[in-house]
Every structure is written in C-alpha cells, then in structure tokens.
Amino acid sequence: MSFVFDEATKSASWDDGSKQVILQNLRQVRYDAKRGVVLALPADWAIRKLNVYNGSGALIAQLTPPEDFHCEYLVEDTAYGVRVVCSGTNVTGDILDWYFKIDLIGGSLAKMGRAY
C-alpha cells in the first residue's frame, strides 16, 4: 500500500487497488499493516474518538477512550501494531499518559501501561 499522510493539508491518501482513497481533517494517522487497517485521530481535539478504516476507506469502527482520557497520538509498536497514547488525570490531578492497545474485535481501547 502506498500510504501517505500530508501534515500540511491534514489528509491521508492511498490506492486500494481500484481507486484513490483520501481522508481529510486528520491530526495524525497510521497504517497498521499487521491488521490491515488505517487508524486516524481527527484534527478537532474535541472529538475524542479513534477512527478505524479498512483498506477501501470505509469507517469500520470508532473507539472512545475511557472517561476523563483524551487520545493524544499514535505510535508504531512491533509487538502490538499501532497503539494509541491517551492522557488522563489521576486522583491528585496530575496528567498522565498511558499506552492503550487497540482491540478491534472487542471494539475498545485497553489500558496497557504508562507512556513516558
């Protein structure tokens, strides 16, 4: 797949074999070759969802972090594929970043460990 993300236009594009696919208004996007999906964070920080698209560009899932967490950025991981880092506050009000595993079968984000 010839996957391209253009930060200036906040758009991602690729060829699915039959057509050119373009997604717009993105803050960050990654192609997860392990699972064959495109994971995208909307440019609008108020939208707290991680969007999951198939190779044809169809939205197949929208995953929301737990309450009081916000998706910050996506990271490549050789063991888990792409993971999302979410920020949340602890009981003392400190903002902490956590790695979340993207569970496509269960349709959820699973907290894995602290991101430093």
PDB file of N, CA and C in Angstrom:
ATOM      1  N   MET A   1       0.852  -1.178   0.000  1.00  0.00           N
ATOM      2  CA  MET A   1       0.000   0.000   0.000  1.00  0.00           C
ATOM      3  C   MET A   1       0.896   1.238   0.000  1.00  0.00           C
ATOM      4  N   SER A   2       0.602   2.186  -0.852  1.00  0.00           N
ATOM      5  CA  SER A   2       1.351   3.440  -0.919  1.00  0.00           C
ATOM      6  C   SER A   2       0.648   4.497  -0.070  1.00  0.00           C
ATOM      7  N   PHE A   3       0.797   4.383   1.221  1.00  0.00           N
ATOM      8  CA  PHE A   3       0.110   5.230   2.191  1.00  0.00           C
ATOM      9  C   PHE A   3       0.897   6.522   2.409  1.00  0.00           C
ATOM     10  N   VAL A   4       0.208   7.675   2.321  1.00  0.00           N
ATOM     11  CA  VAL A   4       0.857   8.974   2.502  1.00  0.00           C
ATOM     12  C   VAL A   4      -0.002   9.833   3.430  1.00  0.00           C
ATOM     13  N   PHE A   5       0.663  10.469   4.401  1.00  0.00           N
ATOM     14  CA  PHE A   5      -0.013  11.448   5.252  1.00  0.00           C
ATOM     15  C   PHE A   5       0.651  12.799   5.023  1.00  0.00           C
ATOM     16  N   ASP A   6      -0.140  13.799   4.661  1.00  0.00           N
ATOM     17  CA  ASP A   6       0.351  15.147   4.416  1.00  0.00           C
ATOM     18  C   ASP A   6      -0.079  16.025   5.586  1.00  0.00           C
ATOM     19  N   GLU A   7       0.888  16.373   6.451  1.00  0.00           N
ATOM     20  CA  GLU A   7       0.565  17.168   7.633  1.00  0.00           C
ATOM     21  C   GLU A   7       0.057  18.561   7.277  1.00  0.00           C
ATOM     22  N   ALA A   8       0.551  19.133   6.193  1.00  0.00           N
ATOM     23  CA  ALA A   8       0.144  20.485   5.796  1.00  0.00           C
ATOM     24  C   ALA A   8      -1.340  20.553   5.455  1.00  0.00           C
ATOM     25  N   THR A   9      -1.840  19.552   4.749  1.00  0.00           N
ATOM     26  CA  THR A   9      -3.261  19.548   4.367  1.00  0.00           C
ATOM     27  C   THR A   9      -4.110  18.714   5.313  1.00  0.00           C
ATOM     28  N   LYS A  10      -3.458  18.064   6.287  1.00  0.00           N
ATOM     29  CA  LYS A  10      -4.132  17.199   7.269  1.00  0.00           C
ATOM     30  C   LYS A  10      -4.940  16.106   6.579  1.00  0.00           C
ATOM     31  N   SER A  11      -4.335  15.510   5.546  1.00  0.00           N
ATOM     32  CA  SER A  11      -5.038  14.460   4.801  1.00  0.00           C
ATOM     33  C   SER A  11      -4.134  13.248   4.580  1.00  0.00           C
ATOM     34  N   ALA A  12      -4.768  12.104   4.473  1.00  0.00           N
ATOM     35  CA  ALA A  12      -4.069  10.848   4.174  1.00  0.00           C
ATOM     36  C   ALA A  12      -4.631  10.312   2.871  1.00  0.00           C
ATOM     37  N   SER A  13      -3.779   9.632   2.113  1.00  0.00           N
ATOM     38  CA  SER A  13      -4.248   9.045   0.859  1.00  0.00           C
ATOM     39  C   SER A  13      -3.496   7.751   0.581  1.00  0.00           C
ATOM     40  N   TRP A  14      -4.168   6.872  -0.157  1.00  0.00           N
ATOM     41  CA  TRP A  14      -3.573   5.629  -0.602  1.00  0.00           C
ATOM     42  C   TRP A  14      -4.414   5.065  -1.737  1.00  0.00           C
ATOM     43  N   ASP A  15      -3.853   4.102  -2.427  1.00  0.00           N
ATOM     44  CA  ASP A  15      -4.551   3.430  -3.525  1.00  0.00           C
ATOM     45  C   ASP A  15      -4.950   2.049  -3.021  1.00  0.00           C
ATOM     46  N   ASP A  16      -6.239   1.741  -3.076  1.00  0.00           N
ATOM     47  CA  ASP A  16      -6.705   0.445  -2.569  1.00  0.00           C
ATOM     48  C   ASP A  16      -6.705  -0.644  -3.638  1.00  0.00           C
ATOM     49  N   GLY A  17      -6.164  -0.331  -4.804  1.00  0.00           N
ATOM     50  CA  GLY A  17      -6.127  -1.303  -5.891  1.00  0.00           C
ATOM     51  C   GLY A  17      -7.110  -0.983  -6.990  1.00  0.00           C
ATOM     52  N   SER A  18      -8.178  -0.269  -6.643  1.00  0.00           N
ATOM     53  CA  SER A  18      -9.168   0.098  -7.653  1.00  0.00           C
ATOM     54  C   SER A  18      -9.446   1.598  -7.692  1.00  0.00           C
ATOM     55  N   LYS A  19      -9.111   2.299  -6.605  1.00  0.00           N
ATOM     56  CA  LYS A  19      -9.360   3.738  -6.562  1.00  0.00           C
ATOM     57  C   LYS A  19      -8.423   4.404  -5.561  1.00  0.00           C
ATOM     58  N   GLN A  20      -8.328   5.715  -5.673  1.00  0.00           N
ATOM     59  CA  GLN A  20      -7.563   6.523  -4.731  1.00  0.00           C
ATOM     60  C   GLN A  20      -8.469   6.854  -3.544  1.00  0.00           C
ATOM     61  N   VAL A  21      -8.000   6.584  -2.326  1.00  0.00           N
ATOM     62  CA  VAL A  21      -8.757   6.872  -1.108  1.00  0.00           C
ATOM     63  C   VAL A  21      -8.129   8.094  -0.449  1.00  0.00           C
ATOM     64  N   ILE A  22      -8.975   9.036  -0.024  1.00  0.00           N
ATOM     65  CA  ILE A  22      -8.490  10.241   0.646  1.00  0.00           C
ATOM     66  C   ILE A  22      -9.316  10.473   1.904  1.00  0.00           C
ATOM     67  N   LEU A  23      -8.623  10.662   3.018  1.00  0.00           N
ATOM     68  CA  LEU A  23      -9.263  11.040   4.287  1.00  0.00           C
ATOM     69  C   LEU A  23      -8.754  12.421   4.651  1.00  0.00           C
ATOM     70  N   GLN A  24      -9.651  13.285   5.144  1.00  0.00           N
ATOM     71  CA  GLN A  24      -9.270  14.661   5.446  1.00  0.00           C
ATOM     72  C   GLN A  24      -9.562  15.015   6.897  1.00  0.00           C
ATOM     73  N   ASN A  25      -9.042  16.166   7.294  1.00  0.00           N
ATOM     74  CA  ASN A  25      -9.235  16.709   8.649  1.00  0.00           C
ATOM     75  C   ASN A  25      -8.677  15.778   9.720  1.00  0.00           C
ATOM     76  N   LEU A  26      -7.415  15.393   9.546  1.00  0.00           N
ATOM     77  CA  LEU A  26      -6.763  14.465  10.465  1.00  0.00           C
ATOM     78  C   LEU A  26      -5.624  15.138  11.213  1.00  0.00           C
ATOM     79  N   ARG A  27      -5.503  14.815  12.473  1.00  0.00           N
ATOM     80  CA  ARG A  27      -4.370  15.275  13.277  1.00  0.00           C
ATOM     81  C   ARG A  27      -3.201  14.326  13.091  1.00  0.00           C
ATOM     82  N   GLN A  28      -3.503  13.049  13.113  1.00  0.00           N
ATOM     83  CA  GLN A  28      -2.483  12.024  12.925  1.00  0.00           C
ATOM     84  C   GLN A  28      -3.145  10.778  12.379  1.00  0.00           C
ATOM     85  N   VAL A  29      -2.394  10.012  11.599  1.00  0.00           N
ATOM     86  CA  VAL A  29      -2.924   8.791  11.004  1.00  0.00           C
ATOM     87  C   VAL A  29      -1.785   7.798  10.813  1.00  0.00           C
ATOM     88  N   ARG A  30      -2.080   6.514  10.966  1.00  0.00           N
ATOM     89  CA  ARG A  30      -1.094   5.454  10.764  1.00  0.00           C
ATOM     90  C   ARG A  30      -1.769   4.291  10.043  1.00  0.00           C
ATOM     91  N   TYR A  31      -0.992   3.653   9.176  1.00  0.00           N
ATOM     92  CA  TYR A  31      -1.440   2.409   8.557  1.00  0.00           C
ATOM     93  C   TYR A  31      -0.886   1.272   9.401  1.00  0.00           C
ATOM     94  N   ASP A  32      -1.755   0.411   9.889  1.00  0.00           N
ATOM     95  CA  ASP A  32      -1.352  -0.753  10.682  1.00  0.00           C
ATOM     96  C   ASP A  32      -1.346  -1.969   9.760  1.00  0.00           C
ATOM     97  N   ALA A  33      -0.173  -2.279   9.213  1.00  0.00           N
ATOM     98  CA  ALA A  33      -0.039  -3.377   8.256  1.00  0.00           C
ATOM     99  C   ALA A  33      -0.371  -4.723   8.892  1.00  0.00           C
ATOM    100  N   LYS A  34      -0.110  -4.856  10.172  1.00  0.00           N
ATOM    101  CA  LYS A  34      -0.392  -6.106  10.890  1.00  0.00           C
ATOM    102  C   LYS A  34      -1.880  -6.464  10.833  1.00  0.00           C
ATOM    103  N   ARG A  35      -2.722  -5.453  10.941  1.00  0.00           N
ATOM    104  CA  ARG A  35      -4.172  -5.675  10.954  1.00  0.00           C
ATOM    105  C   ARG A  35      -4.850  -5.215   9.668  1.00  0.00           C
ATOM    106  N   GLY A  36      -4.099  -4.562   8.785  1.00  0.00           N
ATOM    107  CA  GLY A  36      -4.664  -4.106   7.516  1.00  0.00           C
ATOM    108  C   GLY A  36      -5.689  -2.992   7.653  1.00  0.00           C
ATOM    109  N   VAL A  37      -5.478  -2.108   8.633  1.00  0.00           N
ATOM    110  CA  VAL A  37      -6.404  -1.007   8.857  1.00  0.00           C
ATOM    111  C   VAL A  37      -5.647   0.315   8.941  1.00  0.00           C
ATOM    112  N   VAL A  38      -6.389   1.399   8.735  1.00  0.00           N
ATOM    113  CA  VAL A  38      -5.862   2.747   8.899  1.00  0.00           C
ATOM    114  C   VAL A  38      -6.493   3.315  10.165  1.00  0.00           C
ATOM    115  N   LEU A  39      -5.650   3.834  11.055  1.00  0.00           N
ATOM    116  CA  LEU A  39      -6.097   4.400  12.327  1.00  0.00           C
ATOM    117  C   LEU A  39      -5.883   5.904  12.278  1.00  0.00           C
ATOM    118  N   ALA A  40      -6.908   6.672  12.620  1.00  0.00           N
ATOM    119  CA  ALA A  40      -6.827   8.125  12.461  1.00  0.00           C
ATOM    120  C   ALA A  40      -7.407   8.863  13.659  1.00  0.00           C
ATOM    121  N   LEU A  41      -6.720   9.942  14.025  1.00  0.00           N
ATOM    122  CA  LEU A  41      -7.218  10.861  15.041  1.00  0.00           C
ATOM    123  C   LEU A  41      -7.704  12.120  14.340  1.00  0.00           C
ATOM    124  N   PRO A  42      -8.945  12.540  14.592  1.00  0.00           N
ATOM    125  CA  PRO A  42      -9.489  13.741  13.954  1.00  0.00           C
ATOM    126  C   PRO A  42      -8.676  14.985  14.321  1.00  0.00           C
ATOM    127  N   ALA A  43      -8.613  15.941  13.398  1.00  0.00           N
ATOM    128  CA  ALA A  43      -7.900  17.200  13.642  1.00  0.00           C
ATOM    129  C   ALA A  43      -8.538  17.979  14.784  1.00  0.00           C
ATOM    130  N   ASP A  44      -9.838  17.870  14.946  1.00  0.00           N
ATOM    131  CA  ASP A  44     -10.569  18.561  16.004  1.00  0.00           C
ATOM    132  C   ASP A  44     -10.336  17.832  17.336  1.00  0.00           C
ATOM    133  N   TRP A  45      -9.602  18.472  18.240  1.00  0.00           N
ATOM    134  CA  TRP A  45      -9.263  17.845  19.529  1.00  0.00           C
ATOM    135  C   TRP A  45     -10.501  17.552  20.377  1.00  0.00           C
ATOM    136  N   ALA A  46     -11.608  18.223  20.117  1.00  0.00           N
ATOM    137  CA  ALA A  46     -12.831  17.994  20.887  1.00  0.00           C
ATOM    138  C   ALA A  46     -13.448  16.629  20.575  1.00  0.00           C
ATOM    139  N   ILE A  47     -13.124  16.074  19.413  1.00  0.00           N
ATOM    140  CA  ILE A  47     -13.633  14.751  19.049  1.00  0.00           C
ATOM    141  C   ILE A  47     -12.725  13.710  19.686  1.00  0.00           C
ATOM    142  N   ARG A  48     -13.242  12.970  20.635  1.00  0.00           N
ATOM    143  CA  ARG A  48     -12.439  12.064  21.448  1.00  0.00           C
ATOM    144  C   ARG A  48     -12.421  10.639  20.906  1.00  0.00           C
ATOM    145  N   LYS A  49     -12.540  10.455  19.623  1.00  0.00           N
ATOM    146  CA  LYS A  49     -12.623   9.111  19.055  1.00  0.00           C
ATOM    147  C   LYS A  49     -11.393   8.785  18.222  1.00  0.00           C
ATOM    148  N   LEU A  50     -11.059   7.504  18.207  1.00  0.00           N
ATOM    149  CA  LEU A  50     -10.056   6.962  17.295  1.00  0.00           C
ATOM    150  C   LEU A  50     -10.840   6.289  16.183  1.00  0.00           C
ATOM    151  N   ASN A  51     -10.678   6.777  14.968  1.00  0.00           N
ATOM    152  CA  ASN A  51     -11.403   6.218  13.828  1.00  0.00           C
ATOM    153  C   ASN A  51     -10.578   5.116  13.168  1.00  0.00           C
ATOM    154  N   VAL A  52     -11.254   4.033  12.812  1.00  0.00           N
ATOM    155  CA  VAL A  52     -10.602   2.888  12.174  1.00  0.00           C
ATOM    156  C   VAL A  52     -11.243   2.679  10.806  1.00  0.00           C
ATOM    157  N   TYR A  53     -10.405   2.653   9.770  1.00  0.00           N
ATOM    158  CA  TYR A  53     -10.865   2.495   8.389  1.00  0.00           C
ATOM    159  C   TYR A  53     -10.261   1.233   7.786  1.00  0.00           C
ATOM    160  N   ASN A  54     -11.009   0.597   6.894  1.00  0.00           N
ATOM    161  CA  ASN A  54     -10.451  -0.543   6.171  1.00  0.00           C
ATOM    162  C   ASN A  54      -9.665  -0.033   4.964  1.00  0.00           C
ATOM    163  N   GLY A  55      -9.082  -0.934   4.194  1.00  0.00           N
ATOM    164  CA  GLY A  55      -8.265  -0.560   3.053  1.00  0.00           C
ATOM    165  C   GLY A  55      -8.993   0.197   1.972  1.00  0.00           C
ATOM    166  N   SER A  56     -10.319   0.065   1.933  1.00  0.00           N
ATOM    167  CA  SER A  56     -11.131   0.790   0.944  1.00  0.00           C
ATOM    168  C   SER A  56     -11.549   2.168   1.422  1.00  0.00           C
ATOM    169  N   GLY A  57     -11.184   2.508   2.658  1.00  0.00           N
ATOM    170  CA  GLY A  57     -11.522   3.819   3.202  1.00  0.00           C
ATOM    171  C   GLY A  57     -12.844   3.883   3.932  1.00  0.00           C
ATOM    172  N   ALA A  58     -13.496   2.735   4.130  1.00  0.00           N
ATOM    173  CA  ALA A  58     -14.761   2.709   4.862  1.00  0.00           C
ATOM    174  C   ALA A  58     -14.495   2.732   6.371  1.00  0.00           C
ATOM    175  N   LEU A  59     -15.229   3.572   7.086  1.00  0.00           N
ATOM    176  CA  LEU A  59     -15.128   3.631   8.540  1.00  0.00           C
ATOM    177  C   LEU A  59     -15.703   2.340   9.114  1.00  0.00           C
ATOM    178  N   ILE A  60     -14.867   1.573   9.816  1.00  0.00           N
ATOM    179  CA  ILE A  60     -15.343   0.294  10.360  1.00  0.00           C
ATOM    180  C   ILE A  60     -15.508   0.323  11.880  1.00  0.00           C
ATOM    181  N   ALA A  61     -14.903   1.330  12.537  1.00  0.00           N
ATOM    182  CA  ALA A  61     -15.062   1.432  13.986  1.00  0.00           C
ATOM    183  C   ALA A  61     -14.681   2.824  14.448  1.00  0.00           C
ATOM    184  N   GLN A  62     -15.301   3.234  15.546  1.00  0.00           N
ATOM    185  CA  GLN A  62     -14.930   4.448  16.256  1.00  0.00           C
ATOM    186  C   GLN A  62     -14.745   4.045  17.707  1.00  0.00           C
ATOM    187  N   LEU A  63     -13.531   4.170  18.188  1.00  0.00           N
ATOM    188  CA  LEU A  63     -13.205   3.753  19.545  1.00  0.00           C
ATOM    189  C   LEU A  63     -13.001   4.983  20.418  1.00  0.00           C
ATOM    190  N   THR A  64     -13.615   4.972  21.590  1.00  0.00           N
ATOM    191  CA  THR A  64     -13.552   6.092  22.511  1.00  0.00           C
ATOM    192  C   THR A  64     -12.705   5.704  23.711  1.00  0.00           C
ATOM    193  N   PRO A  65     -11.798   6.581  24.143  1.00  0.00           N
ATOM    194  CA  PRO A  65     -11.018   6.264  25.340  1.00  0.00           C
ATOM    195  C   PRO A  65     -11.919   6.308  26.575  1.00  0.00           C
ATOM    196  N   PRO A  66     -11.443   5.742  27.672  1.00  0.00           N
ATOM    197  CA  PRO A  66     -12.237   5.795  28.907  1.00  0.00           C
ATOM    198  C   PRO A  66     -12.533   7.242  29.314  1.00  0.00           C
ATOM    199  N   GLU A  67     -13.546   7.409  30.137  1.00  0.00           N
ATOM    200  CA  GLU A  67     -13.924   8.737  30.622  1.00  0.00           C
ATOM    201  C   GLU A  67     -12.714   9.430  31.231  1.00  0.00           C
ATOM    202  N   ASP A  68     -12.602  10.709  31.015  1.00  0.00           N
ATOM    203  CA  ASP A  68     -11.508  11.560  31.503  1.00  0.00           C
ATOM    204  C   ASP A  68     -10.174  11.319  30.797  1.00  0.00           C
ATOM    205  N   PHE A  69     -10.185  10.577  29.685  1.00  0.00           N
ATOM    206  CA  PHE A  69      -8.978  10.395  28.873  1.00  0.00           C
ATOM    207  C   PHE A  69      -9.215  11.013  27.502  1.00  0.00           C
ATOM    208  N   HIS A  70      -8.125  11.453  26.870  1.00  0.00           N
ATOM    209  CA  HIS A  70      -8.174  12.006  25.515  1.00  0.00           C
ATOM    210  C   HIS A  70      -7.071  11.366  24.691  1.00  0.00           C
ATOM    211  N   CYS A  71      -7.379  10.978  23.469  1.00  0.00           N
ATOM    212  CA  CYS A  71      -6.379  10.418  22.563  1.00  0.00           C
ATOM    213  C   CYS A  71      -5.385  11.515  22.196  1.00  0.00           C
ATOM    214  N   GLU A  72      -4.118  11.248  22.399  1.00  0.00           N
ATOM    215  CA  GLU A  72      -3.077  12.235  22.117  1.00  0.00           C
ATOM    216  C   GLU A  72      -2.361  11.952  20.803  1.00  0.00           C
ATOM    217  N   TYR A  73      -1.829  10.723  20.659  1.00  0.00           N
ATOM    218  CA  TYR A  73      -1.077  10.402  19.448  1.00  0.00           C
ATOM    219  C   TYR A  73      -0.983   8.887  19.262  1.00  0.00           C
ATOM    220  N   LEU A  74      -0.585   8.497  18.050  1.00  0.00           N
ATOM    221  CA  LEU A  74      -0.447   7.090  17.675  1.00  0.00           C
ATOM    222  C   LEU A  74       1.031   6.739  17.590  1.00  0.00           C
ATOM    223  N   VAL A  75       1.369   5.518  18.009  1.00  0.00           N
ATOM    224  CA  VAL A  75       2.755   5.048  17.942  1.00  0.00           C
ATOM    225  C   VAL A  75       2.798   3.656  17.314  1.00  0.00           C
ATOM    226  N   GLU A  76       3.867   3.417  16.560  1.00  0.00           N
ATOM    227  CA  GLU A  76       4.103   2.092  15.969  1.00  0.00           C
ATOM    228  C   GLU A  76       4.734   1.212  17.038  1.00  0.00           C
ATOM    229  N   ASP A  77       4.320  -0.041  17.087  1.00  0.00           N
ATOM    230  CA  ASP A  77       4.874  -0.987  18.048  1.00  0.00           C
ATOM    231  C   ASP A  77       5.013  -2.336  17.355  1.00  0.00           C
ATOM    232  N   THR A  78       6.213  -2.889  17.327  1.00  0.00           N
ATOM    233  CA  THR A  78       6.428  -4.149  16.613  1.00  0.00           C
ATOM    234  C   THR A  78       5.658  -5.307  17.236  1.00  0.00           C
ATOM    235  N   ALA A  79       5.438  -5.267  18.530  1.00  0.00           N
ATOM    236  CA  ALA A  79       4.726  -6.364  19.191  1.00  0.00           C
ATOM    237  C   ALA A  79       3.207  -6.242  19.068  1.00  0.00           C
ATOM    238  N   TYR A  80       2.691  -5.023  19.097  1.00  0.00           N
ATOM    239  CA  TYR A  80       1.236  -4.825  19.159  1.00  0.00           C
ATOM    240  C   TYR A  80       0.636  -4.166  17.923  1.00  0.00           C
ATOM    241  N   GLY A  81       1.449  -3.783  16.970  1.00  0.00           N
ATOM    242  CA  GLY A  81       0.941  -2.978  15.860  1.00  0.00           C
ATOM    243  C   GLY A  81       0.869  -1.539  16.329  1.00  0.00           C
ATOM    244  N   VAL A  82      -0.044  -0.768  15.826  1.00  0.00           N
ATOM    245  CA  VAL A  82      -0.184   0.628  16.248  1.00  0.00           C
ATOM    246  C   VAL A  82      -0.940   0.676  17.575  1.00  0.00           C
ATOM    247  N   ARG A  83      -0.443   1.505  18.481  1.00  0.00           N
ATOM    248  CA  ARG A  83      -1.125   1.760  19.755  1.00  0.00           C
ATOM    249  C   ARG A  83      -1.420   3.246  19.849  1.00  0.00           C
ATOM    250  N   VAL A  84      -2.351   3.587  20.707  1.00  0.00           N
ATOM    251  CA  VAL A  84      -2.695   4.997  20.915  1.00  0.00           C
ATOM    252  C   VAL A  84      -2.262   5.386  22.327  1.00  0.00           C
ATOM    253  N   VAL A  85      -1.730   6.598  22.446  1.00  0.00           N
ATOM    254  CA  VAL A  85      -1.388   7.148  23.754  1.00  0.00           C
ATOM    255  C   VAL A  85      -2.483   8.133  24.121  1.00  0.00           C
ATOM    256  N   CYS A  86      -3.054   7.928  25.314  1.00  0.00           N
ATOM    257  CA  CYS A  86      -4.118   8.793  25.812  1.00  0.00           C
ATOM    258  C   CYS A  86      -3.663   9.446  27.102  1.00  0.00           C
ATOM    259  N   SER A  87      -4.094  10.690  27.315  1.00  0.00           N
ATOM    260  CA  SER A  87      -3.786  11.424  28.541  1.00  0.00           C
ATOM    261  C   SER A  87      -5.015  11.449  29.434  1.00  0.00           C
ATOM    262  N   GLY A  88      -4.753  11.340  30.712  1.00  0.00           N
ATOM    263  CA  GLY A  88      -5.825  11.412  31.702  1.00  0.00           C
ATOM    264  C   GLY A  88      -5.262  11.941  33.003  1.00  0.00           C
ATOM    265  N   THR A  89      -6.129  12.301  33.913  1.00  0.00           N
ATOM    266  CA  THR A  89      -5.673  12.808  35.205  1.00  0.00           C
ATOM    267  C   THR A  89      -5.832  11.732  36.274  1.00  0.00           C
ATOM    268  N   ASN A  90      -4.900  11.734  37.232  1.00  0.00           N
ATOM    269  CA  ASN A  90      -5.027  10.792  38.343  1.00  0.00           C
ATOM    270  C   ASN A  90      -5.761  11.473  39.496  1.00  0.00           C
ATOM    271  N   VAL A  91      -5.877  10.804  40.619  1.00  0.00           N
ATOM    272  CA  VAL A  91      -6.669  11.328  41.744  1.00  0.00           C
ATOM    273  C   VAL A  91      -6.102  12.625  42.311  1.00  0.00           C
ATOM    274  N   THR A  92      -4.804  12.875  42.129  1.00  0.00           N
ATOM    275  CA  THR A  92      -4.206  14.111  42.639  1.00  0.00           C
ATOM    276  C   THR A  92      -4.202  15.217  41.592  1.00  0.00           C
ATOM    277  N   GLY A  93      -4.767  14.938  40.400  1.00  0.00           N
ATOM    278  CA  GLY A  93      -4.872  15.954  39.371  1.00  0.00           C
ATOM    279  C   GLY A  93      -3.718  15.993  38.390  1.00  0.00           C
ATOM    280  N   ASP A  94      -2.742  15.088  38.565  1.00  0.00           N
ATOM    281  CA  ASP A  94      -1.616  15.037  37.628  1.00  0.00           C
ATOM    282  C   ASP A  94      -2.075  14.459  36.299  1.00  0.00           C
ATOM    283  N   ILE A  95      -1.571  15.020  35.212  1.00  0.00           N
ATOM    284  CA  ILE A  95      -1.886  14.499  33.878  1.00  0.00           C
ATOM    285  C   ILE A  95      -0.880  13.408  33.547  1.00  0.00           C
ATOM    286  N   LEU A  96      -1.387  12.226  33.249  1.00  0.00           N
ATOM    287  CA  LEU A  96      -0.543  11.075  32.947  1.00  0.00           C
ATOM    288  C   LEU A  96      -0.893  10.519  31.574  1.00  0.00           C
ATOM    289  N   ASP A  97       0.127  10.085  30.845  1.00  0.00           N
ATOM    290  CA  ASP A  97      -0.073   9.455  29.541  1.00  0.00           C
ATOM    291  C   ASP A  97       0.016   7.945  29.691  1.00  0.00           C
ATOM    292  N   TRP A  98      -0.888   7.249  29.001  1.00  0.00           N
ATOM    293  CA  TRP A  98      -0.950   5.793  29.055  1.00  0.00           C
ATOM    294  C   TRP A  98      -1.000   5.220  27.643  1.00  0.00           C
ATOM    295  N   TYR A  99      -0.346   4.071  27.456  1.00  0.00           N
ATOM    296  CA  TYR A  99      -0.482   3.319  26.216  1.00  0.00           C
ATOM    297  C   TYR A  99      -1.785   2.538  26.268  1.00  0.00           C
ATOM    298  N   PHE A 100      -2.509   2.537  25.157  1.00  0.00           N
ATOM    299  CA  PHE A 100      -3.726   1.741  25.042  1.00  0.00           C
ATOM    300  C   PHE A 100      -3.595   0.819  23.841  1.00  0.00           C
ATOM    301  N   LYS A 101      -3.911  -0.436  24.045  1.00  0.00           N
ATOM    302  CA  LYS A 101      -3.966  -1.408  22.961  1.00  0.00           C
ATOM    303  C   LYS A 101      -5.299  -1.230  22.245  1.00  0.00           C
ATOM    304  N   ILE A 102      -5.264  -1.305  20.932  1.00  0.00           N
ATOM    305  CA  ILE A 102      -6.465  -1.145  20.125  1.00  0.00           C
ATOM    306  C   ILE A 102      -7.052  -2.524  19.876  1.00  0.00           C
ATOM    307  N   ASP A 103      -8.180  -2.810  20.503  1.00  0.00           N
ATOM    308  CA  ASP A 103      -8.852  -4.107  20.386  1.00  0.00           C
ATOM    309  C   ASP A 103      -9.981  -3.977  19.369  1.00  0.00           C
ATOM    310  N   LEU A 104      -9.702  -4.386  18.133  1.00  0.00           N
ATOM    311  CA  LEU A 104     -10.706  -4.267  17.076  1.00  0.00           C
ATOM    312  C   LEU A 104     -11.835  -5.278  17.231  1.00  0.00           C
ATOM    313  N   ILE A 105     -11.538  -6.448  17.761  1.00  0.00           N
ATOM    314  CA  ILE A 105     -12.569  -7.476  17.933  1.00  0.00           C
ATOM    315  C   ILE A 105     -13.565  -7.052  19.013  1.00  0.00           C
ATOM    316  N   GLY A 106     -13.061  -6.571  20.130  1.00  0.00           N
ATOM    317  CA  GLY A 106     -13.931  -6.125  21.217  1.00  0.00           C
ATOM    318  C   GLY A 106     -14.427  -4.704  21.041  1.00  0.00           C
ATOM    319  N   GLY A 107     -13.829  -3.967  20.106  1.00  0.00           N
ATOM    320  CA  GLY A 107     -14.239  -2.583  19.867  1.00  0.00           C
ATOM    321  C   GLY A 107     -13.932  -1.653  21.000  1.00  0.00           C
ATOM    322  N   SER A 108     -12.705  -1.805  21.577  1.00  0.00           N
ATOM    323  CA  SER A 108     -12.366  -0.984  22.729  1.00  0.00           C
ATOM    324  C   SER A 108     -10.879  -0.651  22.752  1.00  0.00           C
ATOM    325  N   LEU A 109     -10.531   0.249  23.656  1.00  0.00           N
ATOM    326  CA  LEU A 109      -9.148   0.585  23.929  1.00  0.00           C
ATOM    327  C   LEU A 109      -8.813   0.016  25.296  1.00  0.00           C
ATOM    328  N   ALA A 110      -7.754  -0.794  25.372  1.00  0.00           N
ATOM    329  CA  ALA A 110      -7.373  -1.450  26.629  1.00  0.00           C
ATOM    330  C   ALA A 110      -6.105  -0.824  27.186  1.00  0.00           C
ATOM    331  N   LYS A 111      -6.186  -0.309  28.389  1.00  0.00           N
ATOM    332  CA  LYS A 111      -5.052   0.332  29.053  1.00  0.00           C
ATOM    333  C   LYS A 111      -3.936  -0.694  29.251  1.00  0.00           C
ATOM    334  N   MET A 112      -2.713  -0.317  28.842  1.00  0.00           N
ATOM    335  CA  MET A 112      -1.597  -1.257  28.907  1.00  0.00           C
ATOM    336  C   MET A 112      -0.510  -0.850  29.891  1.00  0.00           C
ATOM    337  N   GLY A 113      -0.139   0.401  29.908  1.00  0.00           N
ATOM    338  CA  GLY A 113       0.936   0.837  30.796  1.00  0.00           C
ATOM    339  C   GLY A 113       1.250   2.293  30.555  1.00  0.00           C
ATOM    340  N   ARG A 114       2.060   2.843  31.453  1.00  0.00           N
ATOM    341  CA  ARG A 114       2.422   4.258  31.379  1.00  0.00           C
ATOM    342  C   ARG A 114       3.279   4.548  30.157  1.00  0.00           C
ATOM    343  N   ALA A 115       3.031   5.672  29.556  1.00  0.00           N
ATOM    344  CA  ALA A 115       3.851   6.185  28.456  1.00  0.00           C
ATOM    345  C   ALA A 115       4.657   7.351  29.019  1.00  0.00           C
ATOM    346  N   TYR A 116       5.953   7.310  28.833  1.00  0.00           N
ATOM    347  CA  TYR A 116       6.810   8.355  29.410  1.00  0.00           C
ATOM    348  C   TYR A 116       7.378   9.240  28.358  1.00  0.00           C
TER     349      TYR A 116
END
